[in-house]
Amino acid sequence: MIKQKRILAVDQATSCGFAHSNSPELSGVWDLSIRADESSGMRLVRFEAKLREMLVGPGVDVIVFESVTVNSGPKANSNGVKLGAKLQAVIEMLCEQVQGVECRGYNLNTIKSFAGQKSKEGMIAAAKAKWPDIEIIDDNHADALWLCELAKRDLGGFSA
C-alpha cells in the first residue's frame, strides 16, 4: 500500500488560505496583514512561523502552492503578485531547509480547472457544496481546499 503523504496546501496572499490533507477541517486563513508597528519583512517571518507550526503539529511531507507566474503587463508589477512571489520563496526556502519536506507549485488555471470553476465566486460555491460542514472564509480558503484535493489526486495514496 502507498503511504499517504501529509499535504499542506497554501494559497499565498495577505489573506493566506491553507488546508491540510489529514482533515478538511484543518483549514482556514492566516492573516498576513502588516501591522502598524511592523516592517513588511515581518509578514514573511510570521508566514514562516505558521508553516513551521504545521510541520510540528499535524506534520507535513509536501507543501503545495499556487505558482506565481506573470510574464509582463500591468499585473507583473502588482503588489499581490510581488507578495505571492515572496511567500512562494519562503515556502521553497523552508522546504530546502527541512529534510524530507517537498514542495510543488500548481498553475492557477490548473486549480480552477480541477474545481470546474473559473471565478472566485464559483470556487467558493463549489467548495461550500463539496465541504458543507466547513465555513468557507473566503476565496483563498476555497482555493487552498481545492489545491489540497488536486495534490491528493496527483500524489496518490488517497482513497477516492
Protein backbone atom coordinates (compact mmCIF):
# COMPACT_ATOMS: atom_id res chain seq x y z
CA MET A 1 0.00 0.00 0.00
CA ILE A 2 1.16 3.52 -0.81
CA LYS A 3 1.72 5.68 2.26
CA GLN A 4 -0.46 8.78 2.32
CA LYS A 5 1.60 11.94 2.23
CA ARG A 6 0.66 14.73 4.60
CA ILE A 7 -0.03 17.68 2.35
CA LEU A 8 -0.23 21.32 3.30
CA ALA A 9 -1.86 23.41 0.57
CA VAL A 10 -1.25 27.16 0.66
CA ASP A 11 -2.91 29.91 -1.37
CA GLN A 12 -0.41 32.62 -0.57
CA ALA A 13 -1.79 36.14 -0.15
CA THR A 14 -2.40 38.70 2.60
CA SER A 15 -5.42 36.56 3.47
CA CYS A 16 -3.48 33.31 3.12
CA GLY A 17 -5.63 30.23 2.63
CA PHE A 18 -4.39 26.88 3.93
CA ALA A 19 -5.65 23.31 4.07
CA HIS A 20 -4.12 20.10 5.44
CA SER A 21 -4.82 16.73 3.86
CA ASN A 22 -5.36 15.00 7.22
CA SER A 23 -8.71 16.73 7.52
CA PRO A 24 -10.55 19.43 5.58
CA GLU A 25 -11.46 20.93 8.96
CA LEU A 26 -7.75 21.66 9.44
CA SER A 27 -8.01 24.62 7.10
CA GLY A 28 -8.71 28.32 7.11
CA VAL A 29 -6.98 31.64 6.57
CA TRP A 30 -3.89 33.17 8.10
CA ASP A 31 -3.99 36.97 8.27
CA LEU A 32 -0.64 38.19 6.97
CA SER A 33 -1.51 41.89 7.04
CA ILE A 34 1.33 44.17 8.03
CA ARG A 35 0.68 45.55 11.49
CA ALA A 36 1.23 49.23 12.37
CA ASP A 37 4.50 48.57 14.19
CA GLU A 38 5.97 46.13 11.63
CA SER A 39 8.18 46.27 8.59
CA SER A 40 6.97 44.41 5.50
CA GLY A 41 9.52 41.69 6.23
CA MET A 42 7.72 40.72 9.44
CA ARG A 43 4.87 39.31 7.32
CA LEU A 44 7.38 36.84 5.86
CA VAL A 45 8.69 35.95 9.33
CA ARG A 46 5.13 35.32 10.58
CA PHE A 47 4.34 33.25 7.47
CA GLU A 48 7.40 31.06 8.01
CA ALA A 49 6.39 30.62 11.67
CA LYS A 50 2.90 29.45 10.59
CA LEU A 51 4.42 26.94 8.18
CA ARG A 52 6.77 25.64 10.88
CA GLU A 53 3.81 25.26 13.28
CA MET A 54 2.18 22.98 10.71
CA LEU A 55 5.40 20.98 10.33
CA VAL A 56 5.49 20.33 14.08
CA GLY A 57 1.72 20.00 14.67
CA PRO A 58 -0.06 17.77 12.16
CA GLY A 59 3.15 17.19 10.19
CA VAL A 60 3.85 17.89 6.54
CA ASP A 61 5.55 15.85 3.82
CA VAL A 62 4.68 18.16 0.91
CA ILE A 63 3.76 21.83 0.70
CA VAL A 64 1.79 22.69 -2.42
CA PHE A 65 1.09 26.23 -3.51
CA GLU A 66 -0.29 28.35 -6.31
CA SER A 67 2.67 29.15 -8.58
CA VAL A 68 3.22 32.83 -9.21
CA THR A 69 3.63 33.35 -12.94
CA VAL A 70 3.24 36.68 -14.72
CA ASN A 71 5.11 37.38 -17.93
CA SER A 72 4.51 41.08 -18.47
CA GLY A 73 1.92 43.82 -18.38
CA PRO A 74 0.36 45.76 -15.53
CA LYS A 75 -0.21 42.68 -13.34
CA ALA A 76 3.51 41.84 -13.41
CA ASN A 77 4.25 44.69 -11.01
CA SER A 78 1.15 44.44 -8.82
CA ASN A 79 1.53 44.21 -5.04
CA GLY A 80 -0.39 40.92 -4.99
CA VAL A 81 1.98 39.28 -7.46
CA LYS A 82 5.03 40.56 -5.59
CA LEU A 83 3.69 39.29 -2.27
CA GLY A 84 2.79 35.92 -3.78
CA ALA A 85 6.32 35.57 -5.14
CA LYS A 86 7.86 36.48 -1.77
CA LEU A 87 5.67 33.97 0.07
CA GLN A 88 6.47 31.33 -2.55
CA ALA A 89 10.16 31.96 -1.91
CA VAL A 90 9.61 31.40 1.84
CA ILE A 91 7.93 28.05 1.07
CA GLU A 92 10.76 26.98 -1.23
CA MET A 93 13.42 28.08 1.25
CA LEU A 94 11.75 26.23 4.13
CA CYS A 95 11.46 23.04 2.08
CA GLU A 96 15.17 23.24 1.30
CA GLN A 97 15.99 23.67 5.00
CA VAL A 98 13.77 20.90 6.36
CA GLN A 99 14.86 17.46 5.25
CA GLY A 100 12.06 15.33 3.88
CA VAL A 101 9.64 18.15 3.02
CA GLU A 102 8.96 18.60 -0.69
CA CYS A 103 7.23 21.47 -2.42
CA ARG A 104 5.21 21.64 -5.60
CA GLY A 105 3.63 24.57 -7.39
CA TYR A 106 0.40 24.45 -9.37
CA ASN A 107 -0.76 26.91 -12.00
CA LEU A 108 -3.92 28.85 -11.11
CA ASN A 109 -5.69 27.62 -14.25
CA THR A 110 -4.94 24.00 -13.30
CA ILE A 111 -6.50 24.53 -9.86
CA LYS A 112 -9.59 26.23 -11.29
CA SER A 113 -9.97 23.55 -13.97
CA PHE A 114 -9.74 20.80 -11.33
CA ALA A 115 -12.52 22.51 -9.35
CA GLY A 116 -14.53 23.04 -12.54
CA GLN A 117 -14.77 26.78 -11.88
CA LYS A 118 -13.36 29.99 -13.31
CA SER A 119 -14.45 32.76 -10.93
CA LYS A 120 -13.72 33.42 -7.25
CA GLU A 121 -17.43 33.15 -6.52
CA GLY A 122 -17.61 29.82 -8.37
CA MET A 123 -14.67 28.42 -6.42
CA ILE A 124 -16.35 29.41 -3.14
CA ALA A 125 -19.73 27.96 -4.16
CA ALA A 126 -18.16 24.69 -5.30
CA ALA A 127 -16.16 24.44 -2.05
CA LYS A 128 -19.31 25.02 0.03
CA ALA A 129 -21.04 22.23 -1.90
CA LYS A 130 -18.12 19.79 -1.51
CA TRP A 131 -17.40 20.62 2.14
CA PRO A 132 -20.80 21.60 3.63
CA ASP A 133 -19.58 21.21 7.23
CA ILE A 134 -16.79 23.76 6.79
CA GLU A 135 -17.35 27.51 6.95
CA ILE A 136 -15.54 28.71 3.84
CA ILE A 137 -13.96 32.00 4.91
CA ASP A 138 -13.07 33.46 1.51
CA ASP A 139 -11.80 32.59 -1.96
CA ASN A 140 -8.28 31.96 -0.62
CA HIS A 141 -9.63 29.34 1.79
CA ALA A 142 -11.64 27.74 -1.02
CA ASP A 143 -8.62 27.75 -3.34
CA ALA A 144 -6.46 26.06 -0.66
CA LEU A 145 -9.06 23.30 -0.17
CA TRP A 146 -9.21 22.65 -3.93
CA LEU A 147 -5.43 22.77 -4.20
CA CYS A 148 -5.16 20.17 -1.43
CA GLU A 149 -7.62 17.89 -3.25
CA LEU A 150 -5.69 18.30 -6.51
CA ALA A 151 -2.41 17.41 -4.81
CA LYS A 152 -4.01 14.38 -3.12
CA ARG A 153 -5.07 13.14 -6.54
CA ASP A 154 -1.64 13.75 -8.06
CA LEU A 155 0.42 12.34 -5.19
CA GLY A 156 -1.64 9.17 -4.81
CA GLY A 157 -2.26 7.01 -1.80
CA PHE A 158 -5.61 8.61 -1.02
CA SER A 159 -8.90 6.78 -1.21
CA ALA A 160 -11.47 8.33 -3.50
